[in-house]
Protein backbone atom coordinates (compact mmCIF):
# COMPACT_ATOMS: atom_id res chain seq x y z
CA UNK A 1 162.19 125.23 71.06
CA UNK A 2 158.71 124.40 73.10
CA UNK A 3 157.80 120.83 73.35
CA UNK A 4 154.77 119.07 72.53
CA UNK A 5 152.64 120.29 75.53
CA UNK A 6 153.35 123.98 74.86
CA UNK A 7 152.56 123.33 71.28
CA UNK A 8 149.55 121.98 72.62
CA UNK A 9 148.45 124.51 75.03
CA UNK A 10 149.23 127.50 72.86
CA UNK A 11 147.16 125.72 70.35
CA UNK A 12 143.79 125.30 72.72
CA UNK A 13 144.32 129.76 73.53
CA UNK A 14 144.53 130.54 69.73
CA UNK A 15 141.41 127.94 69.44
CA UNK A 16 139.41 130.21 72.05
CA UNK A 17 140.87 133.88 70.11
CA UNK A 18 139.27 132.54 66.76
CA UNK A 19 135.98 130.88 68.70
CA UNK A 20 135.27 132.23 72.10
CA UNK A 21 132.17 129.83 71.54
CA UNK A 22 134.41 127.23 71.69
CA UNK A 23 136.57 128.64 74.80
CA UNK A 24 132.82 128.40 76.43
CA UNK A 25 132.09 124.77 75.51
CA UNK A 26 135.37 123.52 77.21
CA UNK A 27 135.38 125.97 80.07
CA UNK A 28 138.49 128.19 79.80
CA UNK A 29 137.52 131.47 81.28
CA UNK A 30 137.91 135.36 80.16
CA UNK A 31 136.00 134.83 76.52
CA UNK A 32 132.15 133.84 77.79
CA UNK A 33 131.31 137.64 76.11
CA UNK A 34 132.58 137.64 73.11
CA UNK A 35 131.50 135.22 69.69
CA UNK A 36 134.77 135.14 67.49
CA UNK A 37 134.55 135.60 63.44
CA UNK A 38 131.77 132.59 62.33
CA UNK A 39 132.22 133.23 58.50
CA UNK A 40 134.87 133.36 55.98
CA UNK A 41 137.90 135.17 58.61
CA UNK A 42 136.95 132.21 61.56
CA UNK A 43 137.51 129.23 58.92
CA UNK A 44 140.59 130.56 57.40
CA UNK A 45 141.87 131.22 61.06
CA UNK A 46 141.51 127.68 61.51
CA UNK A 47 142.84 127.13 58.52
CA UNK A 48 146.07 128.75 59.06
CA UNK A 49 146.19 127.34 63.01
CA UNK A 50 146.47 124.06 61.45
CA UNK A 51 148.51 123.96 59.08
CA UNK A 52 151.05 126.21 62.07
CA UNK A 53 150.29 123.38 64.27
CA UNK A 54 150.94 120.97 61.66
CA UNK A 55 154.75 122.34 60.78
CA UNK A 56 155.27 123.14 64.42
CA UNK A 57 154.87 119.12 65.34
CA UNK A 58 156.57 117.69 62.21
CA UNK A 59 159.50 119.88 62.97
CA UNK A 60 159.90 117.99 66.80
CA UNK A 61 162.76 115.76 67.74
CA UNK A 62 162.14 112.29 68.56
CA UNK A 63 159.43 111.38 70.78
CA UNK A 64 159.74 111.15 74.25
CA UNK A 65 157.83 108.60 76.34
CA UNK A 66 154.08 107.15 75.67
CA UNK A 67 152.28 110.76 76.04
CA UNK A 68 154.96 113.00 74.07
CA UNK A 69 154.04 110.52 70.73
CA UNK A 70 149.89 111.01 72.05
CA UNK A 71 149.88 114.21 72.10
CA UNK A 72 151.41 114.44 68.70
CA UNK A 73 149.35 111.96 66.99
CA UNK A 74 146.32 113.25 68.28
CA UNK A 75 147.43 117.25 67.33
CA UNK A 76 148.26 115.91 63.93
CA UNK A 77 145.48 113.86 62.96
CA UNK A 78 143.43 116.76 64.70
CA UNK A 79 144.18 119.15 62.64
CA UNK A 80 144.91 117.13 59.41
CA UNK A 81 140.65 116.47 60.36
CA UNK A 82 139.85 120.26 60.88
CA UNK A 83 142.23 121.28 57.50
CA UNK A 84 140.52 118.42 55.71
CA UNK A 85 137.02 119.10 56.37
CA UNK A 86 137.44 122.86 55.49
CA UNK A 87 138.82 122.01 52.06
CA UNK A 88 135.32 119.72 51.62
CA UNK A 89 133.82 122.42 52.18
CA UNK A 90 131.72 120.62 54.32
CA UNK A 91 130.98 124.18 56.78
CA UNK A 92 129.21 125.86 53.79
CA UNK A 93 125.95 123.84 53.79
CA UNK A 94 126.99 122.72 57.79
CA UNK A 95 122.71 123.83 58.30
CA UNK A 96 121.19 120.82 60.25
CA UNK A 97 118.72 119.57 63.00
CA UNK A 98 120.65 119.19 66.02
CA UNK A 99 124.37 119.92 66.41
CA UNK A 100 125.16 123.35 63.66
CA UNK A 101 125.95 126.55 64.28
CA UNK A 102 122.54 127.54 64.62
CA UNK A 103 122.02 125.27 68.01
CA UNK A 104 125.35 126.58 69.19
CA UNK A 105 125.21 130.17 69.70
CA UNK A 106 121.97 129.34 72.16
CA UNK A 107 123.02 126.80 73.43
CA UNK A 108 125.90 127.88 74.97
CA UNK A 109 123.98 130.18 76.75
CA UNK A 110 122.56 126.83 78.79
CA UNK A 111 126.70 126.93 79.86
CA UNK A 112 127.63 129.80 80.35
CA UNK A 113 128.29 130.86 84.35
CA UNK A 114 125.47 132.47 85.92
CA UNK A 115 126.21 133.30 89.12
CA UNK A 116 127.79 136.89 89.51
CA UNK A 117 126.78 140.10 88.15
CA UNK A 118 130.36 139.62 85.89
CA UNK A 119 128.53 136.67 84.72
CA UNK A 120 125.56 138.33 83.86
CA UNK A 121 127.53 141.28 82.11
CA UNK A 122 129.31 137.94 79.15
CA UNK A 123 125.44 136.88 78.87
CA UNK A 124 124.32 140.75 78.58
CA UNK A 125 127.25 141.06 75.61
CA UNK A 126 126.55 138.27 73.91
CA UNK A 127 122.75 138.20 73.61
CA UNK A 128 122.98 141.61 72.94
CA UNK A 129 125.66 141.19 69.56
CA UNK A 130 123.72 137.47 68.41
CA UNK A 131 123.33 138.77 65.26
CA UNK A 132 126.74 139.25 64.65
CA UNK A 133 127.78 135.72 64.55
CA UNK A 134 124.01 134.73 62.97
CA UNK A 135 125.39 137.19 59.47
CA UNK A 136 128.30 135.69 59.33
CA UNK A 137 127.01 132.06 59.34
CA UNK A 138 124.52 133.29 57.37
CA UNK A 139 127.02 134.72 54.56
CA UNK A 140 128.50 131.09 54.45
CA UNK A 141 125.96 129.44 54.07
CA UNK A 142 125.49 131.97 50.83
CA UNK A 143 128.43 131.37 49.76
CA UNK A 144 126.93 127.30 49.93
CA UNK A 145 124.33 128.46 48.56
CA UNK A 146 125.32 129.65 45.52
CA UNK A 147 128.21 126.82 44.67
CA UNK A 148 124.93 124.57 44.84
CA UNK A 149 126.18 122.96 48.27
CA UNK A 150 123.32 123.71 50.27
CA UNK A 151 121.63 121.96 53.16
CA UNK A 152 118.72 119.40 53.00
CA UNK A 153 115.46 120.82 52.35
CA UNK A 154 114.03 118.50 55.29
CA UNK A 155 117.16 119.94 57.70
CA UNK A 156 115.92 123.44 56.74
CA UNK A 157 112.30 123.35 58.08
CA UNK A 158 113.84 121.34 60.90
CA UNK A 159 116.11 124.14 62.15
CA UNK A 160 113.55 126.58 60.73
CA UNK A 161 111.30 125.48 63.33
CA UNK A 162 113.98 125.14 66.05
CA UNK A 163 114.99 128.91 65.43
CA UNK A 164 111.30 130.35 66.54
CA UNK A 165 111.20 128.25 68.75
CA UNK A 166 113.92 130.09 70.32
CA UNK A 167 112.69 133.17 69.29
CA UNK A 168 109.80 132.55 70.94
CA UNK A 169 110.32 132.81 74.74
CA UNK A 170 114.39 130.66 75.90
CA UNK A 171 115.96 134.27 76.21
CA UNK A 172 113.40 136.60 78.13
CA UNK A 173 113.04 133.17 80.21
CA UNK A 174 116.87 132.69 80.68
CA UNK A 175 117.13 136.55 81.98
CA UNK A 176 114.67 135.95 83.99
CA UNK A 177 117.45 133.40 85.71
CA UNK A 178 119.28 136.63 86.85
CA UNK A 179 119.36 136.57 90.37
CA UNK A 180 120.75 140.17 92.60
CA UNK A 181 122.25 142.29 89.77
CA UNK A 182 122.08 145.94 89.45
CA UNK A 183 119.21 148.04 87.46
CA UNK A 184 120.92 148.58 84.20
CA UNK A 185 122.62 145.35 83.70
CA UNK A 186 119.33 144.08 84.27
CA UNK A 187 117.64 146.49 81.77
CA UNK A 188 121.00 145.35 79.77
CA UNK A 189 119.75 142.06 79.49
CA UNK A 190 116.53 142.49 79.20
CA UNK A 191 116.70 144.44 75.81
CA UNK A 192 119.01 142.04 75.33
CA UNK A 193 117.55 139.47 75.03
CA UNK A 194 115.04 140.97 73.21
CA UNK A 195 117.65 141.39 70.51
CA UNK A 196 118.25 138.10 70.59
CA UNK A 197 114.95 137.00 70.09
CA UNK A 198 114.38 139.62 67.29
CA UNK A 199 117.75 138.06 65.34
CA UNK A 200 116.84 134.41 65.37
CA UNK A 201 113.46 135.49 64.58
CA UNK A 202 115.46 137.42 61.54
CA UNK A 203 117.46 133.84 60.62
CA UNK A 204 114.10 131.89 60.52
CA UNK A 205 112.52 134.25 58.34
CA UNK A 206 115.40 134.47 55.69
CA UNK A 207 115.95 130.21 56.57
CA UNK A 208 112.29 129.96 54.72
CA UNK A 209 112.21 132.35 51.87
CA UNK A 210 116.40 133.52 50.60
CA UNK A 211 117.82 129.27 51.93
CA UNK A 212 114.71 127.31 51.40
CA UNK A 213 114.51 127.72 47.30
CA UNK A 214 118.13 126.87 46.97
CA UNK A 215 118.16 124.31 49.39
CA UNK A 216 118.64 120.14 47.65
CA UNK A 217 115.59 118.27 47.95
CA UNK A 218 117.12 114.78 48.60
CA UNK A 219 118.59 113.33 52.02
CA UNK A 220 120.74 110.39 51.39
CA UNK A 221 124.24 112.56 50.85
CA UNK A 222 125.81 109.33 48.72
CA UNK A 223 128.24 106.58 49.50
CA UNK A 224 131.70 109.29 49.18
CA UNK A 225 130.44 111.68 51.60
CA UNK A 226 129.30 108.87 54.17
CA UNK A 227 132.22 107.85 53.84
CA UNK A 228 134.28 111.06 55.07
CA UNK A 229 131.66 111.00 56.98
CA UNK A 230 132.41 107.76 58.92
CA UNK A 231 136.22 107.95 58.90
CA UNK A 232 135.16 111.57 60.42
CA UNK A 233 133.84 110.74 63.10
CA UNK A 234 135.54 106.48 64.32
CA UNK A 235 138.70 107.87 62.65
CA UNK A 236 138.40 104.29 61.44
CA UNK A 237 137.71 102.46 57.83
CA UNK A 238 134.76 100.18 57.67
CA UNK A 239 132.90 98.17 55.71
CA UNK A 240 129.92 99.75 55.33
CA UNK A 241 128.00 96.74 53.62
CA UNK A 242 129.47 94.20 56.06
CA UNK A 243 128.12 97.03 58.93
CA UNK A 244 124.94 97.09 57.10
CA UNK A 245 124.87 93.22 57.54
CA UNK A 246 125.70 92.97 61.14
CA UNK A 247 123.17 95.92 61.89
CA UNK A 248 120.39 94.16 60.89
CA UNK A 249 121.82 91.10 62.49
CA UNK A 250 121.72 92.75 65.88
CA UNK A 251 118.37 94.25 65.15
CA UNK A 252 116.94 90.42 65.05
CA UNK A 253 118.78 89.08 67.83
CA UNK A 254 117.73 92.83 69.81
CA UNK A 255 114.13 91.41 68.90
CA UNK A 256 114.38 87.64 69.91
CA UNK A 257 115.65 89.07 73.38
CA UNK A 258 112.73 91.73 73.84
CA UNK A 259 110.84 89.20 73.44
CA UNK A 260 111.74 86.79 75.85
CA UNK A 261 112.29 89.28 78.58
CA UNK A 262 108.79 90.63 77.91
CA UNK A 263 107.41 86.88 78.23
CA UNK A 264 109.85 86.06 80.81
CA UNK A 265 108.78 89.27 82.84
CA UNK A 266 105.72 89.77 82.09
CA UNK A 267 103.21 86.28 81.94
CA UNK A 268 99.87 86.96 79.66
CA UNK A 269 101.69 90.10 77.69
CA UNK A 270 103.16 89.63 73.98
CA UNK A 271 105.86 92.79 73.77
CA UNK A 272 103.78 94.96 72.42
CA UNK A 273 101.03 94.90 75.29
CA UNK A 274 104.38 94.77 78.01
CA UNK A 275 105.81 97.89 76.49
CA UNK A 276 102.29 99.82 76.36
CA UNK A 277 101.78 99.40 79.76
CA UNK A 278 105.86 100.68 80.77
CA UNK A 279 104.47 103.54 79.29
CA UNK A 280 101.11 104.22 81.00
CA UNK A 281 101.97 102.76 84.10
CA UNK A 282 101.89 105.79 86.00
CA UNK A 283 103.06 103.32 89.10
CA UNK A 284 106.30 102.99 86.86
CA UNK A 285 106.78 106.67 86.03
CA UNK A 286 107.95 109.94 87.89
CA UNK A 287 105.17 111.81 88.24
CA UNK A 288 106.63 115.84 87.92
CA UNK A 289 110.20 117.40 86.45
CA UNK A 290 111.14 117.61 89.74
CA UNK A 291 110.95 114.43 90.38
CA UNK A 292 112.22 112.92 87.08
CA UNK A 293 115.46 114.37 88.09
CA UNK A 294 116.12 113.85 91.13
CA UNK A 295 115.63 110.36 90.51
CA UNK A 296 118.25 110.84 88.00
CA UNK A 297 120.17 111.92 89.79
CA UNK A 298 119.97 109.82 92.36
CA UNK A 299 120.75 106.92 89.80
CA UNK A 300 123.88 108.42 89.45
CA UNK A 301 125.47 108.75 92.34
CA UNK A 302 124.04 105.18 93.29
CA UNK A 303 126.46 103.66 90.77
CA UNK A 304 129.53 105.52 91.58
CA UNK A 305 129.40 105.24 95.21
CA UNK A 306 128.88 101.49 94.01
CA UNK A 307 131.88 100.64 91.48
CA UNK A 308 134.40 103.39 92.57
CA UNK A 309 137.62 101.46 93.96
CA UNK A 310 135.98 98.01 92.61
CA UNK A 311 136.39 98.47 88.47
CA UNK A 312 136.46 101.76 88.51
CA UNK A 313 138.76 104.56 89.91
CA UNK A 314 136.97 108.02 91.13
CA UNK A 315 138.76 110.79 91.56
CA UNK A 316 136.18 113.25 93.73
CA UNK A 317 137.25 115.76 91.86
CA UNK A 318 135.47 113.67 89.08
CA UNK A 319 132.19 112.91 90.87
CA UNK A 320 129.73 116.11 90.26
CA UNK A 321 127.56 116.39 87.86
CA UNK A 322 124.59 117.53 86.99
CA UNK A 323 121.11 116.88 85.83
CA UNK A 324 119.61 119.41 83.97
CA UNK A 325 115.63 119.41 82.02
CA UNK A 326 116.45 121.16 78.25
CA UNK A 327 115.34 124.78 77.27
CA UNK A 328 112.14 123.78 74.73
CA UNK A 329 112.35 123.61 71.41
CA UNK A 330 115.44 121.77 70.44
CA UNK A 331 115.61 117.58 69.30
CA UNK A 332 114.43 115.33 71.89
CA UNK A 333 116.40 113.07 73.99
CA UNK A 334 119.31 113.14 76.25
CA UNK A 335 122.80 114.61 75.97
CA UNK A 336 125.89 115.94 77.92
CA UNK A 337 128.13 118.89 78.38
CA UNK A 338 131.62 118.75 79.91
CA UNK A 339 132.99 120.09 82.62
CA UNK A 340 135.15 123.72 82.65
CA UNK A 341 139.21 122.60 82.10
CA UNK A 342 139.56 123.30 85.93
CA UNK A 343 136.54 121.09 86.74
CA UNK A 344 134.81 124.31 88.71
CA UNK A 345 131.90 123.71 86.55
CA UNK A 346 130.98 120.13 86.71
CA UNK A 347 129.27 118.43 83.38
CA UNK A 348 125.44 118.13 82.73
CA UNK A 349 122.79 115.36 81.35
CA UNK A 350 120.52 117.65 79.95
CA UNK A 351 117.04 115.84 79.26
CA UNK A 352 114.75 117.33 76.28
CA UNK A 353 111.35 115.29 77.24
CA UNK A 354 108.84 117.52 74.60
CA UNK A 355 105.88 117.98 75.70
CA UNK A 356 105.97 115.03 78.68
CA UNK A 357 103.82 116.06 81.59
CA UNK A 358 104.99 112.27 83.64
CA UNK A 359 108.49 110.59 83.35
CA UNK A 360 108.05 106.80 82.56
CA UNK A 361 111.33 105.84 83.38
CA UNK A 362 111.90 101.85 82.18
CA UNK A 363 113.84 103.74 79.17
CA UNK A 364 115.18 105.71 81.90
CA UNK A 365 118.05 104.14 83.07
CA UNK A 366 120.53 102.67 80.82
CA UNK A 367 120.45 106.40 79.28
CA UNK A 368 121.55 107.30 83.13
CA UNK A 369 123.98 105.09 82.66
CA UNK A 370 125.30 105.98 79.06
CA UNK A 371 125.17 110.23 79.52
CA UNK A 372 126.58 110.32 82.91
CA UNK A 373 128.61 107.47 85.14
CA UNK A 374 130.02 106.07 83.52
CA UNK A 375 129.05 106.32 80.00
CA UNK A 376 129.93 110.41 78.80
CA UNK A 377 130.62 112.11 82.52
CA UNK A 378 132.93 109.34 83.16
CA UNK A 379 135.09 109.29 80.52
CA UNK A 380 134.94 113.38 79.32
CA UNK A 381 135.35 114.24 82.77
CA UNK A 382 138.31 111.64 83.66
CA UNK A 383 140.60 113.38 80.17
CA UNK A 384 139.78 116.65 81.56
CA UNK A 385 141.38 115.22 85.16
CA UNK A 386 144.29 113.76 83.54
CA UNK A 387 145.85 117.07 83.00
CA UNK A 388 149.54 115.25 84.49
CA UNK A 389 149.51 113.14 80.72
CA UNK A 390 147.45 114.02 78.28
CA UNK A 391 147.68 116.90 76.42
CA UNK A 392 145.78 119.74 76.98
CA UNK A 393 144.68 120.26 72.95
CA UNK A 394 144.17 116.70 73.41
CA UNK A 395 141.72 117.13 76.80
CA UNK A 396 139.84 120.35 76.50
CA UNK A 397 139.65 120.12 71.72
CA UNK A 398 139.27 116.44 70.48
CA UNK A 399 136.09 114.00 70.70
CA UNK A 400 135.55 111.01 67.85
CA UNK A 401 132.32 109.58 68.68
CA UNK A 402 133.68 106.41 67.35
CA UNK A 403 135.44 106.67 71.49
CA UNK A 404 133.08 108.59 72.72
CA UNK A 405 129.36 107.22 71.86
CA UNK A 406 131.05 103.93 71.82
CA UNK A 407 132.47 104.55 75.09
CA UNK A 408 128.53 105.37 76.43
CA UNK A 409 126.19 102.59 75.37
CA UNK A 410 129.53 99.83 75.80
CA UNK A 411 128.68 100.97 80.23
CA UNK A 412 125.08 100.60 79.16
CA UNK A 413 125.89 97.64 78.53
CA UNK A 414 128.04 96.48 81.65
CA UNK A 415 125.70 98.08 83.79
CA UNK A 416 123.94 95.10 82.74
CA UNK A 417 126.46 92.72 82.95
CA UNK A 418 126.87 93.49 86.79
CA UNK A 419 122.66 93.47 88.02
CA UNK A 420 122.22 96.97 87.99
CA UNK A 421 119.31 96.81 85.84
CA UNK A 422 117.36 95.05 88.56
CA UNK A 423 113.66 95.48 87.90
CA UNK A 424 112.72 93.24 84.50
CA UNK A 425 111.67 96.45 82.92
CA UNK A 426 115.15 97.50 82.93
CA UNK A 427 116.36 94.50 81.64
CA UNK A 428 113.50 94.81 78.42
CA UNK A 429 114.87 98.40 78.12
CA UNK A 430 118.06 97.70 77.62
CA UNK A 431 117.80 96.35 74.89
CA UNK A 432 114.81 98.31 73.68
CA UNK A 433 117.98 100.91 73.97
CA UNK A 434 120.48 98.63 72.82
CA UNK A 435 117.60 98.15 69.67
CA UNK A 436 117.32 101.61 68.60
CA UNK A 437 121.68 101.67 67.50
CA UNK A 438 121.34 98.74 65.77
CA UNK A 439 118.35 99.91 63.83
CA UNK A 440 120.18 103.49 63.42
CA UNK A 441 123.38 102.24 61.49
CA UNK A 442 121.02 99.87 58.83
CA UNK A 443 118.89 103.64 58.72
CA UNK A 444 121.98 105.67 58.45
CA UNK A 445 123.82 103.59 55.96
CA UNK A 446 120.83 102.52 54.30
CA UNK A 447 119.20 105.23 53.43
CA UNK A 448 122.75 107.46 52.70
CA UNK A 449 124.32 104.93 50.35
CA UNK A 450 120.81 103.75 48.66
CA UNK A 451 121.42 100.45 50.27
CA UNK A 452 117.83 98.56 49.84
CA UNK A 453 116.52 96.42 52.77
CA UNK A 454 118.37 93.41 52.80
CA UNK A 455 115.19 90.25 51.41
CA UNK A 456 116.33 87.88 55.15
CA UNK A 457 115.66 91.16 57.57
CA UNK A 458 112.57 90.66 60.17
CA UNK A 459 111.25 94.33 58.80
CA UNK A 460 109.98 94.90 55.12
CA UNK A 461 112.70 92.83 53.32
CA UNK A 462 113.14 93.90 50.11
CA UNK A 463 111.82 96.87 50.73
CA UNK A 464 113.22 100.89 49.31
CA UNK A 465 114.54 102.91 52.14
CA UNK A 466 111.98 106.36 52.75
CA UNK A 467 111.83 108.76 55.04
CA UNK A 468 108.18 106.93 56.73
CA UNK A 469 110.15 103.32 56.97
CA UNK A 470 112.72 104.88 59.13
CA UNK A 471 110.11 105.78 60.97
CA UNK A 472 108.54 102.55 61.44
CA UNK A 473 110.51 101.34 62.04
CA UNK A 474 112.19 102.96 65.23
CA UNK A 475 108.31 103.38 65.97
CA UNK A 476 108.11 99.33 65.81
CA UNK A 477 111.72 97.92 66.69
CA UNK A 478 112.64 100.66 69.29
CA UNK A 479 109.19 101.46 70.08
CA UNK A 480 110.00 105.46 69.81
CA UNK A 481 107.10 107.46 70.11
CA UNK A 482 105.75 109.28 67.30
CA UNK A 483 107.30 112.72 67.74
CA UNK A 484 110.61 111.50 69.10
CA UNK A 485 110.78 108.98 65.89
CA UNK A 486 110.09 111.68 64.02
CA UNK A 487 113.17 113.31 65.53
CA UNK A 488 115.48 110.68 65.36
CA UNK A 489 115.37 109.61 61.69
CA UNK A 490 115.86 114.00 60.97
CA UNK A 491 118.94 113.83 62.78
CA UNK A 492 120.45 111.05 60.56
CA UNK A 493 119.76 112.37 57.74
CA UNK A 494 121.07 116.51 58.86
CA UNK A 495 124.43 114.80 60.47
CA UNK A 496 125.22 111.36 58.59
CA UNK A 497 127.36 109.31 59.40
CA UNK A 498 127.52 110.10 63.50
CA UNK A 499 124.67 107.72 64.05
CA UNK A 500 126.44 104.58 63.44
CA UNK A 501 129.43 105.54 66.18
CA UNK A 502 127.19 104.09 69.28
CA UNK A 503 127.22 100.54 67.78
CA UNK A 504 129.99 100.18 65.94
CA UNK A 505 132.26 101.95 68.97
CA UNK A 506 130.81 99.48 71.16
CA UNK A 507 131.53 96.72 68.75
CA UNK A 508 135.44 97.87 68.92
CA UNK A 509 134.89 98.18 72.23
CA UNK A 510 133.72 94.68 73.25
CA UNK A 511 136.15 93.21 70.77
CA UNK A 512 139.00 95.06 72.70
CA UNK A 513 138.16 93.73 76.12
CA UNK A 514 137.48 90.34 74.95
CA UNK A 515 141.11 89.92 73.55
CA UNK A 516 142.55 92.09 76.83
CA UNK A 517 140.66 89.28 78.84
CA UNK A 518 142.33 86.23 77.61
CA UNK A 519 145.09 87.62 78.87
CA UNK A 520 147.12 86.80 82.63
CA UNK A 521 146.04 88.85 85.03
CA UNK A 522 144.05 91.30 83.54
CA UNK A 523 140.64 92.98 85.05
CA UNK A 524 137.94 94.70 84.01
CA UNK A 525 139.22 97.86 86.11
CA UNK A 526 142.61 98.08 83.91
CA UNK A 527 140.62 97.92 80.76
CA UNK A 528 138.61 100.28 81.48
CA UNK A 529 142.11 101.96 82.86
CA UNK A 530 143.75 102.28 79.83
CA UNK A 531 140.54 103.07 77.61
CA UNK A 532 139.20 106.16 79.07
CA UNK A 533 142.98 106.63 80.63
CA UNK A 534 143.27 107.12 76.08
CA UNK A 535 141.21 110.32 76.29
CA UNK A 536 139.76 110.79 72.86
CA UNK A 537 141.29 108.77 70.00
CA UNK A 538 139.97 107.17 66.63
CA UNK A 539 139.26 103.72 66.71
CA UNK A 540 142.64 103.06 64.95
CA UNK A 541 144.85 104.57 67.57
CA UNK A 542 142.31 102.90 70.62
CA UNK A 543 143.30 99.51 69.87
CA UNK A 544 147.25 100.66 69.36
CA UNK A 545 147.22 102.48 73.57
CA UNK A 546 145.16 98.72 74.47
CA UNK A 547 146.43 95.89 73.62
CA UNK A 548 150.06 97.74 73.26
């Protein structure tokens, strides 16, 4: 009889067969030239995998040690969630501005290996066949259209714009990166780039001309679907009314801290004046993309050097981290992509700056800690590294934003507690990033669940939410630039429940830390080891693992 770790290994192999894009994302070699079925057949295969894994795990004898128990629970919860998502019909309306197949078919090329001719052969193979997954995805969306299960118009318009941007030059820029490859392969790459551009252009036309007339006009998803979404991303049930009020409390608290820090660090200027100074002062900015990437890379190296062995143990295999600019056309902001299974491909922090010519640094330091070390890079690379404890499925295929984004936001605050924000603007803009996440709680719950702004709120008390109101809150309280604020609100409306995971997850981790540190002899280093050493889990499960 196989044990849970053998079942986990096979489950990863089967997932790679069904979804080669996921295999590339996980860094599992051998699938980079394939797409797999991205339509109904692929969904059916995923559901069968989940059912088989559940039956096999439930048929195992009594668990052995804690790692056996952990592997079982993680796999069972993931299988149940996968089945529920499919049964609810979510894949038939999976179209949004930041995290849907429309983006993943393009972004997978960012993380594909590009060192050898064989790597470029895999890229050529995917380029020349990209119309196949796009066609299968289109047929899934058509199933949703036929049943009235569609994405909102705002998301359709955003993705249409993104697809046209991809078609306008991304793929030619990609193949221009190929170095010394055979002439025939170079010709295949250019042919593939043309075919991929044409495929994305055609998909954009489909969205604009065929899908959009049937799209949902309203952005909010309603309380029932929203509750499922929060459960999906947190693996915990929360009191939405309490969380909404707490989000507004955090907005008020952080605003007062921002005003105090501005007055103390920049005498004679109010908060608005200080923020304008930080945006426009060339002495507080990187003058070009190269300088910006060099600065962000140094921030990561300095953090590892100062904290390794003190509050964290960082194996040498986990330390490598790339910092890059994202190709144009996608949602603005920063994001992280994981290392490969064998850690030969390092984790990467990607920045999408839009049309910036210079790069103000005041709000980038805490973001660097969030996306890199000790945030996402440390937690994800460490989970990959812990192959002797965590199951392969757990390490590579499981992710819950409540845990992941909660940890990354906790990392931002921790670096403030440890004195890493060594200039007034960095302390101030830590709060700006925090209030941004608090605004997400208010906006996401308020719009999707139809809850008005509280009568005692510091911003537009008693008003009903609109798209424009949400943008205004982000601009006036989180000081987002207009294009970024628009991009953010569009993101929340198309990805319900995910936006609150940052602040809600941080809240849960801070509460856990307070309880843990009351134990005799407890240390931050031990707390961090317990949280990160658990691998990605739901917030309810994390509490059991840390305090058990």
